[in-house]
Amino acid sequence: MKRAVNEFMALKNLSIREMKYKLYTKGVQKDVIEDYFYEHIEEIEEYEKTSAQKIVIKKQATLEKEEIRNYLMKKGYRENTIKEVLI
C-alpha cells in the first residue's frame, strides 16, 4: 500500500480522491485505504497541495482562473486546497 501511494506521489499529479480510486481499482479494500490515509493525512494533504500548484502553474498560461478552478474540481481536489493554490 505504502509503495503504491509513493509511486503515485512520485510520478503523477493526483488528488486524494484520485489516489483512493486508483488503489480501490487495484483491489485494495476501502477500509484499508481509509485507515492508511487517516494515518498519513498530513503527508498526503501536503502532496495534494503541491500537486495542485503544479497543475496551476502548467495551466495558467492557457486557462483563466475560473477554468483552472473547475478543472481542479473535476479532478477531485478539495475546495480548501483549490483556494490555497489559486490565491
Protein backbone atom coordinates (compact mmCIF):
# COMPACT_ATOMS: atom_id res chain seq x y z
CA MET A 1 0.00 0.00 0.00
CA LYS A 2 2.71 2.47 1.01
CA ARG A 3 4.71 1.60 -2.10
CA ALA A 4 1.73 2.22 -4.40
CA VAL A 5 0.97 5.59 -2.79
CA ASN A 6 4.62 6.62 -3.01
CA GLU A 7 4.68 5.67 -6.70
CA PHE A 8 1.59 7.81 -7.35
CA MET A 9 3.17 10.70 -5.47
CA ALA A 10 6.44 10.42 -7.37
CA LEU A 11 5.02 10.03 -10.86
CA LYS A 12 1.72 11.89 -11.12
CA ASN A 13 -0.25 14.93 -10.03
CA LEU A 14 -3.24 13.36 -8.32
CA SER A 15 -5.86 14.49 -5.86
CA ILE A 16 -6.53 12.48 -2.72
CA ARG A 17 -9.76 11.24 -4.28
CA GLU A 18 -7.93 10.07 -7.42
CA MET A 19 -5.34 8.19 -5.35
CA LYS A 20 -8.07 6.45 -3.35
CA TYR A 21 -9.88 5.49 -6.55
CA LYS A 22 -6.71 4.07 -8.15
CA LEU A 23 -5.99 1.98 -5.05
CA TYR A 24 -9.57 0.75 -4.96
CA THR A 25 -9.42 -0.30 -8.62
CA LYS A 26 -6.23 -2.24 -7.85
CA GLY A 27 -8.25 -4.33 -5.41
CA VAL A 28 -7.29 -2.71 -2.11
CA GLN A 29 -10.18 -2.78 0.35
CA LYS A 30 -11.83 0.55 1.11
CA ASP A 31 -11.30 0.34 4.88
CA VAL A 32 -7.58 -0.37 4.41
CA ILE A 33 -7.31 2.67 2.12
CA GLU A 34 -9.18 4.89 4.59
CA ASP A 35 -7.02 3.71 7.50
CA TYR A 36 -3.80 4.39 5.58
CA PHE A 37 -4.91 7.86 4.51
CA TYR A 38 -6.04 8.67 8.06
CA GLU A 39 -2.63 7.68 9.45
CA HIS A 40 -0.70 9.68 6.81
CA ILE A 41 -3.08 12.61 6.29
CA GLU A 42 -0.52 15.42 6.78
CA GLU A 43 1.89 13.99 4.21
CA ILE A 44 -0.89 13.28 1.72
CA GLU A 45 -2.51 16.71 2.12
CA GLU A 46 0.85 18.38 1.50
CA TYR A 47 1.31 16.25 -1.62
CA GLU A 48 -2.16 17.21 -2.87
CA LYS A 49 -1.40 20.91 -2.38
CA THR A 50 1.92 20.60 -4.23
CA SER A 51 0.23 18.64 -6.99
CA ALA A 52 -2.46 21.30 -7.40
CA GLN A 53 0.20 24.04 -7.51
CA LYS A 54 2.00 22.22 -10.32
CA ILE A 55 -1.24 21.98 -12.30
CA VAL A 56 -1.98 25.69 -11.77
CA ILE A 57 1.49 26.66 -12.99
CA LYS A 58 1.10 24.46 -16.06
CA LYS A 59 -2.43 25.62 -16.92
CA GLN A 60 -2.24 29.35 -16.11
CA ALA A 61 -0.72 30.25 -19.47
CA THR A 62 -3.71 28.90 -21.39
CA LEU A 63 -6.68 28.97 -18.99
CA GLU A 64 -8.47 31.60 -16.92
CA LYS A 65 -8.50 31.28 -13.13
CA GLU A 66 -12.12 30.04 -13.09
CA GLU A 67 -11.36 27.40 -15.74
CA ILE A 68 -8.41 26.15 -13.68
CA ARG A 69 -10.64 26.03 -10.61
CA ASN A 70 -13.24 23.97 -12.48
CA TYR A 71 -10.52 21.65 -13.82
CA LEU A 72 -9.20 21.02 -10.31
CA MET A 73 -12.73 20.42 -9.00
CA LYS A 74 -13.33 17.82 -11.73
CA LYS A 75 -10.07 16.10 -10.81
CA GLY A 76 -11.29 15.73 -7.22
CA TYR A 77 -9.20 18.34 -5.42
CA ARG A 78 -10.72 19.61 -2.20
CA GLU A 79 -12.18 23.12 -2.10
CA ASN A 80 -9.74 24.40 0.54
CA THR A 81 -6.75 23.11 -1.44
CA ILE A 82 -8.00 24.90 -4.57
CA LYS A 83 -8.50 28.15 -2.64
CA GLU A 84 -4.95 27.96 -1.26
CA VAL A 85 -3.28 27.43 -4.62
CA LEU A 86 -5.34 29.97 -6.57
CA ILE A 87 -4.60 32.94 -4.29
